[in-house]
Amino acid sequence: MKFGEIIRDARLKKQLTYRAMADKLDNIISSAYINAIELHNEIPSPDTVMHLAEVLDLNADELLEIAKQVKINEFNSLMNKKYRGRKK
């Protein structure tokens, strides 16, 4: 399951709108950014991931690990594109 899907599923399970979730997060992030996380698999900072986990009653360590893996995959993909076809 993708990071954004996890956040969306947990938010919907708690019956929170984007605005209500942003309010629960003390507007640390906007409702628009929550939407971007869910729909575009944006990965927020580790601190924000921790806040999301707390508000959504998710395991923070697991959520951080998923976020880290997404970032690693993004980096690997970028490097593969950049260096594809180059001789070693």
N, C-alpha and C. Protein backbone atom coordinates (compact mmCIF):
# COMPACT_ATOMS: atom_id res chain seq x y z
N MET A 1 0.85 -1.18 0.00
CA MET A 1 0.00 0.00 0.00
C MET A 1 0.89 1.24 0.00
N LYS A 2 0.52 2.24 -0.76
CA LYS A 2 1.29 3.47 -0.85
C LYS A 2 1.06 4.36 0.37
N PHE A 3 2.03 5.21 0.63
CA PHE A 3 1.96 6.12 1.78
C PHE A 3 0.66 6.92 1.77
N GLY A 4 0.36 7.53 0.64
CA GLY A 4 -0.85 8.35 0.53
C GLY A 4 -2.12 7.57 0.79
N GLU A 5 -2.15 6.33 0.33
CA GLU A 5 -3.32 5.48 0.55
C GLU A 5 -3.50 5.17 2.03
N ILE A 6 -2.41 4.96 2.73
CA ILE A 6 -2.48 4.69 4.16
C ILE A 6 -3.07 5.89 4.89
N ILE A 7 -2.59 7.07 4.54
CA ILE A 7 -3.09 8.30 5.17
C ILE A 7 -4.57 8.49 4.86
N ARG A 8 -4.94 8.33 3.60
CA ARG A 8 -6.33 8.51 3.19
C ARG A 8 -7.24 7.52 3.91
N ASP A 9 -6.86 6.25 3.92
CA ASP A 9 -7.69 5.23 4.56
C ASP A 9 -7.88 5.52 6.06
N ALA A 10 -6.81 5.92 6.72
CA ALA A 10 -6.90 6.21 8.15
C ALA A 10 -7.76 7.46 8.40
N ARG A 11 -7.60 8.47 7.54
CA ARG A 11 -8.40 9.70 7.69
C ARG A 11 -9.88 9.40 7.50
N LEU A 12 -10.20 8.62 6.48
CA LEU A 12 -11.60 8.29 6.22
C LEU A 12 -12.17 7.41 7.32
N LYS A 13 -11.37 6.51 7.85
CA LYS A 13 -11.82 5.65 8.95
C LYS A 13 -12.21 6.50 10.16
N LYS A 14 -11.48 7.60 10.37
CA LYS A 14 -11.80 8.50 11.48
C LYS A 14 -12.85 9.54 11.09
N GLN A 15 -13.32 9.44 9.85
CA GLN A 15 -14.35 10.33 9.31
C GLN A 15 -13.93 11.80 9.41
N LEU A 16 -12.70 12.07 9.02
CA LEU A 16 -12.17 13.43 9.03
C LEU A 16 -12.13 13.99 7.61
N THR A 17 -12.56 15.22 7.46
CA THR A 17 -12.35 15.93 6.20
C THR A 17 -10.90 16.43 6.19
N TYR A 18 -10.47 16.92 5.04
CA TYR A 18 -9.12 17.51 4.98
C TYR A 18 -8.99 18.65 5.99
N ARG A 19 -10.02 19.50 6.03
CA ARG A 19 -10.00 20.66 6.94
C ARG A 19 -9.97 20.22 8.40
N ALA A 20 -10.80 19.23 8.75
CA ALA A 20 -10.84 18.75 10.13
C ALA A 20 -9.50 18.14 10.53
N MET A 21 -8.88 17.44 9.59
CA MET A 21 -7.58 16.84 9.90
C MET A 21 -6.52 17.93 10.09
N ALA A 22 -6.54 18.93 9.22
CA ALA A 22 -5.59 20.05 9.37
C ALA A 22 -5.79 20.72 10.72
N ASP A 23 -7.04 20.89 11.13
CA ASP A 23 -7.32 21.48 12.44
C ASP A 23 -6.76 20.62 13.57
N LYS A 24 -6.93 19.30 13.49
CA LYS A 24 -6.40 18.39 14.50
C LYS A 24 -4.87 18.45 14.55
N LEU A 25 -4.26 18.79 13.42
CA LEU A 25 -2.81 18.93 13.34
C LEU A 25 -2.36 20.34 13.71
N ASP A 26 -3.29 21.13 14.27
CA ASP A 26 -3.01 22.53 14.63
C ASP A 26 -2.49 23.32 13.43
N ASN A 27 -2.99 22.96 12.26
CA ASN A 27 -2.62 23.63 11.00
C ASN A 27 -1.12 23.63 10.74
N ILE A 28 -0.42 22.58 11.25
CA ILE A 28 0.99 22.40 10.92
C ILE A 28 1.14 22.23 9.42
N ILE A 29 0.16 21.54 8.82
CA ILE A 29 0.10 21.44 7.36
C ILE A 29 -1.32 21.79 6.93
N SER A 30 -1.45 22.24 5.72
CA SER A 30 -2.75 22.69 5.21
C SER A 30 -3.58 21.52 4.70
N SER A 31 -4.85 21.77 4.55
CA SER A 31 -5.73 20.76 3.98
C SER A 31 -5.31 20.44 2.54
N ALA A 32 -4.80 21.44 1.82
CA ALA A 32 -4.33 21.21 0.44
C ALA A 32 -3.12 20.27 0.43
N TYR A 33 -2.25 20.41 1.42
CA TYR A 33 -1.07 19.53 1.48
C TYR A 33 -1.48 18.11 1.86
N ILE A 34 -2.46 17.97 2.73
CA ILE A 34 -2.98 16.64 3.06
C ILE A 34 -3.51 15.98 1.80
N ASN A 35 -4.22 16.75 0.99
CA ASN A 35 -4.72 16.25 -0.29
C ASN A 35 -3.56 15.80 -1.18
N ALA A 36 -2.49 16.58 -1.23
CA ALA A 36 -1.32 16.23 -2.06
C ALA A 36 -0.65 14.96 -1.55
N ILE A 37 -0.60 14.80 -0.24
CA ILE A 37 -0.02 13.58 0.34
C ILE A 37 -0.83 12.37 -0.11
N GLU A 38 -2.14 12.48 -0.02
CA GLU A 38 -3.01 11.35 -0.34
C GLU A 38 -3.05 11.04 -1.83
N LEU A 39 -3.14 12.06 -2.65
CA LEU A 39 -3.34 11.84 -4.08
C LEU A 39 -2.05 11.70 -4.88
N HIS A 40 -1.01 12.35 -4.44
CA HIS A 40 0.23 12.37 -5.22
C HIS A 40 1.38 11.72 -4.49
N ASN A 41 1.07 11.08 -3.36
CA ASN A 41 2.08 10.37 -2.57
C ASN A 41 3.25 11.28 -2.16
N GLU A 42 2.92 12.56 -1.89
CA GLU A 42 3.92 13.47 -1.34
C GLU A 42 4.37 12.91 0.01
N ILE A 43 5.63 13.04 0.31
CA ILE A 43 6.14 12.57 1.58
C ILE A 43 6.57 13.77 2.41
N PRO A 44 5.87 13.99 3.53
CA PRO A 44 6.23 15.13 4.37
C PRO A 44 7.47 14.86 5.20
N SER A 45 7.88 15.85 5.94
CA SER A 45 9.06 15.71 6.82
C SER A 45 8.78 14.65 7.88
N PRO A 46 9.85 14.11 8.46
CA PRO A 46 9.66 13.13 9.53
C PRO A 46 8.81 13.65 10.69
N ASP A 47 8.99 14.92 11.06
CA ASP A 47 8.17 15.48 12.14
C ASP A 47 6.69 15.47 11.78
N THR A 48 6.39 15.82 10.55
CA THR A 48 4.99 15.83 10.11
C THR A 48 4.44 14.42 10.04
N VAL A 49 5.25 13.47 9.60
CA VAL A 49 4.82 12.07 9.59
C VAL A 49 4.45 11.64 11.01
N MET A 50 5.25 12.05 11.99
CA MET A 50 4.96 11.72 13.38
C MET A 50 3.62 12.32 13.83
N HIS A 51 3.37 13.56 13.44
CA HIS A 51 2.10 14.21 13.79
C HIS A 51 0.92 13.49 13.12
N LEU A 52 1.10 13.13 11.86
CA LEU A 52 0.04 12.40 11.14
C LEU A 52 -0.26 11.08 11.85
N ALA A 53 0.78 10.37 12.22
CA ALA A 53 0.60 9.09 12.90
C ALA A 53 -0.17 9.28 14.20
N GLU A 54 0.16 10.32 14.95
CA GLU A 54 -0.51 10.56 16.22
C GLU A 54 -2.00 10.86 16.02
N VAL A 55 -2.31 11.75 15.10
CA VAL A 55 -3.70 12.14 14.86
C VAL A 55 -4.52 10.98 14.30
N LEU A 56 -3.88 10.14 13.49
CA LEU A 56 -4.61 9.06 12.83
C LEU A 56 -4.50 7.72 13.57
N ASP A 57 -3.86 7.73 14.72
CA ASP A 57 -3.69 6.50 15.51
C ASP A 57 -2.98 5.40 14.71
N LEU A 58 -1.91 5.80 14.03
CA LEU A 58 -1.10 4.86 13.26
C LEU A 58 0.23 4.65 13.98
N ASN A 59 0.89 3.55 13.68
CA ASN A 59 2.19 3.27 14.25
C ASN A 59 3.22 4.19 13.59
N ALA A 60 3.80 5.09 14.37
CA ALA A 60 4.73 6.09 13.83
C ALA A 60 5.96 5.45 13.20
N ASP A 61 6.51 4.42 13.83
CA ASP A 61 7.71 3.77 13.30
C ASP A 61 7.43 3.14 11.93
N GLU A 62 6.30 2.47 11.82
CA GLU A 62 5.94 1.85 10.53
C GLU A 62 5.71 2.91 9.46
N LEU A 63 5.02 3.99 9.82
CA LEU A 63 4.75 5.05 8.86
C LEU A 63 6.04 5.72 8.40
N LEU A 64 6.96 5.95 9.34
CA LEU A 64 8.26 6.54 8.98
C LEU A 64 9.04 5.60 8.06
N GLU A 65 8.98 4.32 8.31
CA GLU A 65 9.68 3.35 7.47
C GLU A 65 9.11 3.35 6.04
N ILE A 66 7.80 3.43 5.93
CA ILE A 66 7.18 3.49 4.60
C ILE A 66 7.60 4.77 3.88
N ALA A 67 7.57 5.90 4.60
CA ALA A 67 7.98 7.17 4.01
C ALA A 67 9.44 7.12 3.56
N LYS A 68 10.29 6.53 4.38
CA LYS A 68 11.71 6.40 4.03
C LYS A 68 11.88 5.57 2.77
N GLN A 69 11.15 4.48 2.67
CA GLN A 69 11.27 3.61 1.50
C GLN A 69 10.83 4.33 0.24
N VAL A 70 9.79 5.14 0.33
CA VAL A 70 9.34 5.92 -0.84
C VAL A 70 10.45 6.86 -1.28
N LYS A 71 11.07 7.55 -0.33
CA LYS A 71 12.16 8.47 -0.67
C LYS A 71 13.35 7.74 -1.30
N ILE A 72 13.69 6.58 -0.78
CA ILE A 72 14.78 5.79 -1.34
C ILE A 72 14.45 5.38 -2.78
N ASN A 73 13.21 4.94 -2.99
CA ASN A 73 12.79 4.54 -4.34
C ASN A 73 12.82 5.72 -5.30
N GLU A 74 12.39 6.90 -4.84
CA GLU A 74 12.44 8.10 -5.68
C GLU A 74 13.88 8.43 -6.06
N PHE A 75 14.79 8.36 -5.10
CA PHE A 75 16.19 8.65 -5.35
C PHE A 75 16.77 7.65 -6.35
N ASN A 76 16.51 6.36 -6.15
CA ASN A 76 17.03 5.34 -7.05
C ASN A 76 16.50 5.53 -8.47
N SER A 77 15.25 5.86 -8.59
CA SER A 77 14.65 6.09 -9.90
C SER A 77 15.31 7.29 -10.59
N LEU A 78 15.51 8.35 -9.83
CA LEU A 78 16.16 9.54 -10.38
C LEU A 78 17.58 9.23 -10.84
N MET A 79 18.31 8.49 -10.03
CA MET A 79 19.69 8.16 -10.38
C MET A 79 19.73 7.24 -11.61
N ASN A 80 18.81 6.30 -11.69
CA ASN A 80 18.76 5.41 -12.85
C ASN A 80 18.49 6.19 -14.13
N LYS A 81 17.60 7.16 -14.07
CA LYS A 81 17.31 7.99 -15.24
C LYS A 81 18.51 8.83 -15.63
N LYS A 82 19.15 9.41 -14.62
CA LYS A 82 20.27 10.31 -14.87
C LYS A 82 21.47 9.58 -15.48
N TYR A 83 21.74 8.39 -15.01
CA TYR A 83 22.95 7.69 -15.41
C TYR A 83 22.71 6.52 -16.36
N ARG A 84 21.49 6.38 -16.85
CA ARG A 84 21.17 5.28 -17.78
C ARG A 84 22.04 5.44 -19.05
N GLY A 85 22.64 4.38 -19.43
CA GLY A 85 23.40 4.37 -20.67
C GLY A 85 24.83 4.85 -20.55
N ARG A 86 25.21 5.35 -19.41
CA ARG A 86 26.60 5.79 -19.23
C ARG A 86 27.48 4.59 -18.95
N LYS A 87 28.68 4.64 -19.51
CA LYS A 87 29.64 3.57 -19.25
C LYS A 87 30.31 3.79 -17.92
N LYS A 88 30.62 2.70 -17.26
CA LYS A 88 31.30 2.80 -15.95
C LYS A 88 32.78 2.94 -16.11
